[in-house]
Amino acid sequence: MNGMTIAFWVLFALWAILLFSRLRKEAPKGDNHVHDITFDALILAILCVMAFVPDAGYITIVPGVSLTLMHLPVLIGAYRKGWKRGLLYGIAFGVTSWIQALTNPVGFNAFFIYPWISVLPRAVWGFLAGFCFSLVRKNHKLYANPLGIGILSFGLTILHTGLVFGDLFLFYWNEMVALFTSSDPAGAGIAFTFAGIIGLGMLGEALVAALLTPAVGKALAKAASREE
């Protein structure tokens, strides 16, 4: 991620915060429906921007293999709004992944041109994330505990990767086995390197989620409580 991308995200974050604050102030107090629409619009807009600005939401590591930060808005939205919104944001995440694959079906990304690979596991994951956060929300102390939310966000990110690859092995067993195993030493080395990239990327995604989800989620919760 270069300096221009970082600068873009700093400016975009400031714009999103100001826009969200402005819209909420203009909405009648206690009108949760308007607030929900505002929140949905903001999360969906962030997902779209992250998806289609190069190296913002999908960061290319090697041609055809990308790490993703798209899970972050989904987790934050699920943390604040529960399983229904988690499902909605998960579907939006999946659709952007599908479009990305259709426009650039190179290497590993080619598997994601099929909606049951790109959309289905993200929809299930968004639902599960929202459901888990809804359960945690019943315990106010745990819901407000950054460490607990961070650990849960870390685990949910690992779950996301597991669901995607579980789906890949379910539908494309032979291709996945051929990709990750080889009797040839050179092929085995490539497979090991590929698996290592995916594993390290998964841990990086999980660590970012563990840090940002409780921080941003708590800030949004405080802003909402002041306006209720």
Protein backbone atom coordinates (compact mmCIF):
# COMPACT_ATOMS: atom_id res chain seq x y z
CA MET A 1 0.00 0.00 0.00
CA ASN A 2 1.72 3.18 -1.21
CA GLY A 3 1.68 6.69 0.23
CA MET A 4 -1.06 7.89 -2.09
CA THR A 5 -3.36 5.08 -0.97
CA ILE A 6 -2.69 5.83 2.70
CA ALA A 7 -3.37 9.54 2.14
CA PHE A 8 -6.59 8.68 0.32
CA TRP A 9 -7.80 6.56 3.23
CA VAL A 10 -7.00 9.23 5.79
CA LEU A 11 -8.98 11.81 3.81
CA PHE A 12 -11.81 9.36 3.10
CA ALA A 13 -12.07 8.43 6.79
CA LEU A 14 -12.32 12.09 7.75
CA TRP A 15 -14.98 12.65 5.10
CA ALA A 16 -16.97 9.60 6.26
CA ILE A 17 -16.85 10.73 9.90
CA LEU A 18 -18.01 14.25 9.02
CA LEU A 19 -20.76 12.96 6.71
CA PHE A 20 -22.02 10.44 9.26
CA SER A 21 -22.03 13.07 12.00
CA ARG A 22 -23.88 15.56 9.78
CA LEU A 23 -26.55 13.10 8.68
CA ARG A 24 -27.20 11.92 12.20
CA LYS A 25 -27.56 15.48 13.48
CA GLU A 26 -30.09 16.28 10.77
CA ALA A 27 -32.16 13.19 11.53
CA PRO A 28 -34.86 13.59 14.21
CA LYS A 29 -33.72 12.38 17.61
CA GLY A 30 -35.05 8.96 18.44
CA ASP A 31 -35.76 8.15 14.76
CA ASN A 32 -33.89 4.87 14.67
CA HIS A 33 -35.15 4.04 11.18
CA VAL A 34 -33.46 7.11 9.68
CA HIS A 35 -30.32 6.42 11.68
CA ASP A 36 -30.23 2.83 10.44
CA ILE A 37 -30.58 3.94 6.82
CA THR A 38 -27.77 6.44 7.31
CA PHE A 39 -25.54 3.81 8.85
CA ASP A 40 -26.33 1.27 6.11
CA ALA A 41 -25.61 3.82 3.39
CA LEU A 42 -22.27 4.69 4.94
CA ILE A 43 -21.14 1.08 5.38
CA LEU A 44 -22.21 0.13 1.84
CA ALA A 45 -20.49 3.21 0.42
CA ILE A 46 -17.28 2.33 2.25
CA LEU A 47 -17.46 -1.24 0.90
CA CYS A 48 -17.90 0.05 -2.65
CA VAL A 49 -15.02 2.51 -2.35
CA MET A 50 -12.76 -0.13 -0.83
CA ALA A 51 -13.67 -2.58 -3.58
CA PHE A 52 -13.04 -0.36 -6.56
CA VAL A 53 -10.16 1.89 -5.48
CA PRO A 54 -6.95 0.00 -6.36
CA ASP A 55 -5.15 -1.52 -3.36
CA ALA A 56 -7.70 -0.11 -0.92
CA GLY A 57 -9.89 -3.09 -0.07
CA TYR A 58 -8.20 -5.81 -2.11
CA ILE A 59 -4.42 -5.60 -1.85
CA THR A 60 -2.57 -7.57 -4.53
CA ILE A 61 0.30 -9.62 -3.10
CA VAL A 62 1.17 -11.56 -6.25
CA PRO A 63 -0.81 -11.57 -9.52
CA GLY A 64 -4.08 -13.37 -8.91
CA VAL A 65 -3.74 -13.41 -5.10
CA SER A 66 -5.06 -10.57 -2.93
CA LEU A 67 -5.38 -9.84 0.74
CA THR A 68 -8.58 -8.14 1.80
CA LEU A 69 -9.57 -5.43 4.22
CA MET A 70 -13.21 -5.68 3.12
CA HIS A 71 -14.05 -7.66 6.23
CA LEU A 72 -13.49 -4.62 8.46
CA PRO A 73 -16.67 -2.64 7.58
CA VAL A 74 -18.67 -5.86 7.79
CA LEU A 75 -17.36 -6.60 11.28
CA ILE A 76 -17.91 -3.04 12.48
CA GLY A 77 -21.42 -2.97 11.03
CA ALA A 78 -22.25 -6.38 12.51
CA TYR A 79 -20.88 -5.24 15.89
CA ARG A 80 -23.22 -2.25 15.90
CA LYS A 81 -26.32 -3.66 14.20
CA GLY A 82 -26.48 -7.44 14.64
CA TRP A 83 -27.13 -10.37 12.33
CA LYS A 84 -29.58 -8.78 9.85
CA ARG A 85 -27.15 -6.02 8.93
CA GLY A 86 -24.25 -8.47 9.16
CA LEU A 87 -25.97 -10.57 6.50
CA LEU A 88 -26.59 -7.48 4.32
CA TYR A 89 -22.99 -6.28 4.58
CA GLY A 90 -21.66 -9.79 4.03
CA ILE A 91 -23.66 -10.07 0.80
CA ALA A 92 -22.34 -6.68 -0.33
CA PHE A 93 -18.78 -7.86 0.45
CA GLY A 94 -19.37 -11.00 -1.60
CA VAL A 95 -20.85 -9.14 -4.56
CA THR A 96 -17.83 -6.81 -4.75
CA SER A 97 -15.55 -9.86 -4.66
CA TRP A 98 -17.57 -11.41 -7.48
CA ILE A 99 -17.31 -8.24 -9.60
CA GLN A 100 -13.57 -8.02 -8.92
CA ALA A 101 -13.12 -11.59 -10.13
CA LEU A 102 -15.22 -11.01 -13.24
CA THR A 103 -13.14 -7.97 -14.20
CA ASN A 104 -9.81 -9.63 -13.36
CA PRO A 105 -10.12 -13.44 -13.54
CA VAL A 106 -6.40 -14.06 -13.12
CA GLY A 107 -4.80 -16.87 -11.13
CA PHE A 108 -6.52 -17.79 -7.89
CA ASN A 109 -9.08 -15.00 -8.39
CA ALA A 110 -10.62 -17.01 -11.23
CA PHE A 111 -12.36 -19.25 -8.69
CA PHE A 112 -14.33 -16.24 -7.42
CA ILE A 113 -16.19 -15.67 -10.68
CA TYR A 114 -18.71 -18.17 -9.29
CA PRO A 115 -21.18 -16.59 -6.81
CA TRP A 116 -21.22 -19.73 -4.64
CA ILE A 117 -17.52 -19.07 -3.98
CA SER A 118 -17.44 -15.27 -3.81
CA VAL A 119 -20.86 -14.42 -2.34
CA LEU A 120 -22.17 -17.44 -0.41
CA PRO A 121 -19.42 -17.80 2.25
CA ARG A 122 -19.33 -14.01 2.82
CA ALA A 123 -23.10 -13.92 3.33
CA VAL A 124 -22.92 -16.80 5.82
CA TRP A 125 -19.97 -15.19 7.55
CA GLY A 126 -21.69 -11.79 7.84
CA PHE A 127 -24.72 -13.49 9.40
CA LEU A 128 -22.55 -15.43 11.87
CA ALA A 129 -20.56 -12.33 12.78
CA GLY A 130 -23.73 -10.38 13.51
CA PHE A 131 -25.20 -13.29 15.45
CA CYS A 132 -22.07 -13.58 17.62
CA PHE A 133 -22.00 -9.86 18.33
CA SER A 134 -25.72 -9.93 19.16
CA LEU A 135 -25.08 -12.63 21.75
CA VAL A 136 -22.16 -10.69 23.22
CA ARG A 137 -24.28 -7.53 23.33
CA LYS A 138 -26.50 -9.16 25.95
CA ASN A 139 -23.56 -8.87 28.34
CA HIS A 140 -22.91 -5.13 28.52
CA LYS A 141 -19.50 -5.44 30.17
CA LEU A 142 -18.26 -7.91 27.58
CA TYR A 143 -19.72 -5.88 24.71
CA ALA A 144 -17.89 -2.78 25.95
CA ASN A 145 -14.64 -4.66 26.58
CA PRO A 146 -12.15 -3.87 23.76
CA LEU A 147 -10.08 -6.98 24.52
CA GLY A 148 -13.06 -9.31 24.30
CA ILE A 149 -14.36 -7.71 21.10
CA GLY A 150 -10.85 -7.77 19.67
CA ILE A 151 -10.46 -11.48 20.36
CA LEU A 152 -13.88 -12.19 18.87
CA SER A 153 -13.05 -10.11 15.77
CA PHE A 154 -9.76 -12.00 15.42
CA GLY A 155 -11.56 -15.33 15.58
CA LEU A 156 -14.30 -14.21 13.17
CA THR A 157 -11.68 -13.16 10.63
CA ILE A 158 -10.07 -16.59 10.85
CA LEU A 159 -13.56 -18.05 10.41
CA HIS A 160 -14.01 -15.98 7.24
CA THR A 161 -10.91 -17.50 5.66
CA GLY A 162 -12.00 -20.95 6.80
CA LEU A 163 -15.44 -20.57 5.23
CA VAL A 164 -14.02 -19.36 1.91
CA PHE A 165 -11.49 -22.18 1.64
CA GLY A 166 -13.98 -24.70 2.95
CA ASP A 167 -16.28 -23.64 0.13
CA LEU A 168 -13.44 -23.93 -2.38
CA PHE A 169 -12.57 -27.45 -1.25
CA LEU A 170 -16.25 -28.42 -1.23
CA PHE A 171 -16.87 -27.39 -4.83
CA TYR A 172 -13.38 -27.76 -6.33
CA TRP A 173 -11.71 -30.52 -4.36
CA ASN A 174 -9.47 -31.80 -7.16
CA GLU A 175 -8.27 -28.32 -8.13
CA MET A 176 -7.51 -27.39 -4.50
CA VAL A 177 -5.66 -30.64 -3.82
CA ALA A 178 -3.62 -30.14 -6.98
CA LEU A 179 -2.89 -26.54 -5.98
CA PHE A 180 -1.73 -27.26 -2.44
CA THR A 181 -0.05 -30.65 -2.88
CA SER A 182 2.55 -31.88 -5.33
CA SER A 183 4.98 -34.79 -5.51
CA ASP A 184 7.40 -32.66 -7.50
CA PRO A 185 9.91 -30.78 -5.26
CA ALA A 186 9.56 -27.53 -7.21
CA GLY A 187 5.77 -27.78 -7.22
CA ALA A 188 5.74 -28.60 -3.51
CA GLY A 189 7.87 -25.52 -2.81
CA ILE A 190 5.49 -23.30 -4.75
CA ALA A 191 2.49 -24.82 -2.96
CA PHE A 192 4.17 -24.30 0.43
CA THR A 193 4.98 -20.67 -0.42
CA PHE A 194 1.42 -20.07 -1.61
CA ALA A 195 -0.03 -21.59 1.57
CA GLY A 196 2.38 -19.48 3.64
CA ILE A 197 1.27 -16.28 1.91
CA ILE A 198 -2.37 -17.12 2.57
CA GLY A 199 -1.67 -18.04 6.20
CA LEU A 200 0.32 -14.88 6.94
CA GLY A 201 -2.27 -12.78 5.15
CA MET A 202 -5.02 -14.34 7.24
CA LEU A 203 -3.16 -13.51 10.45
CA GLY A 204 -2.54 -9.96 9.27
CA GLU A 205 -6.22 -9.49 8.44
CA ALA A 206 -7.19 -10.91 11.82
CA LEU A 207 -4.81 -8.63 13.74
CA VAL A 208 -6.09 -5.53 11.94
CA ALA A 209 -9.66 -6.58 12.72
CA ALA A 210 -8.79 -7.19 16.38
CA LEU A 211 -7.42 -3.65 16.68
CA LEU A 212 -9.89 -1.65 14.59
CA THR A 213 -13.25 -3.31 15.26
CA PRO A 214 -13.42 -2.53 19.01
CA ALA A 215 -11.90 0.94 18.54
CA VAL A 216 -14.23 2.08 15.76
CA GLY A 217 -17.22 0.19 17.13
CA LYS A 218 -16.83 1.79 20.55
CA ALA A 219 -16.51 5.26 19.03
CA LEU A 220 -19.71 4.73 17.01
CA ALA A 221 -21.50 3.40 20.10
CA LYS A 222 -20.55 6.53 22.08
CA ALA A 223 -21.71 8.80 19.25
CA ALA A 224 -25.03 6.97 19.06
CA SER A 225 -25.59 7.10 22.83
CA ARG A 226 -25.08 10.87 22.90
CA GLU A 227 -27.78 11.36 20.28
CA GLU A 228 -30.43 9.04 21.78
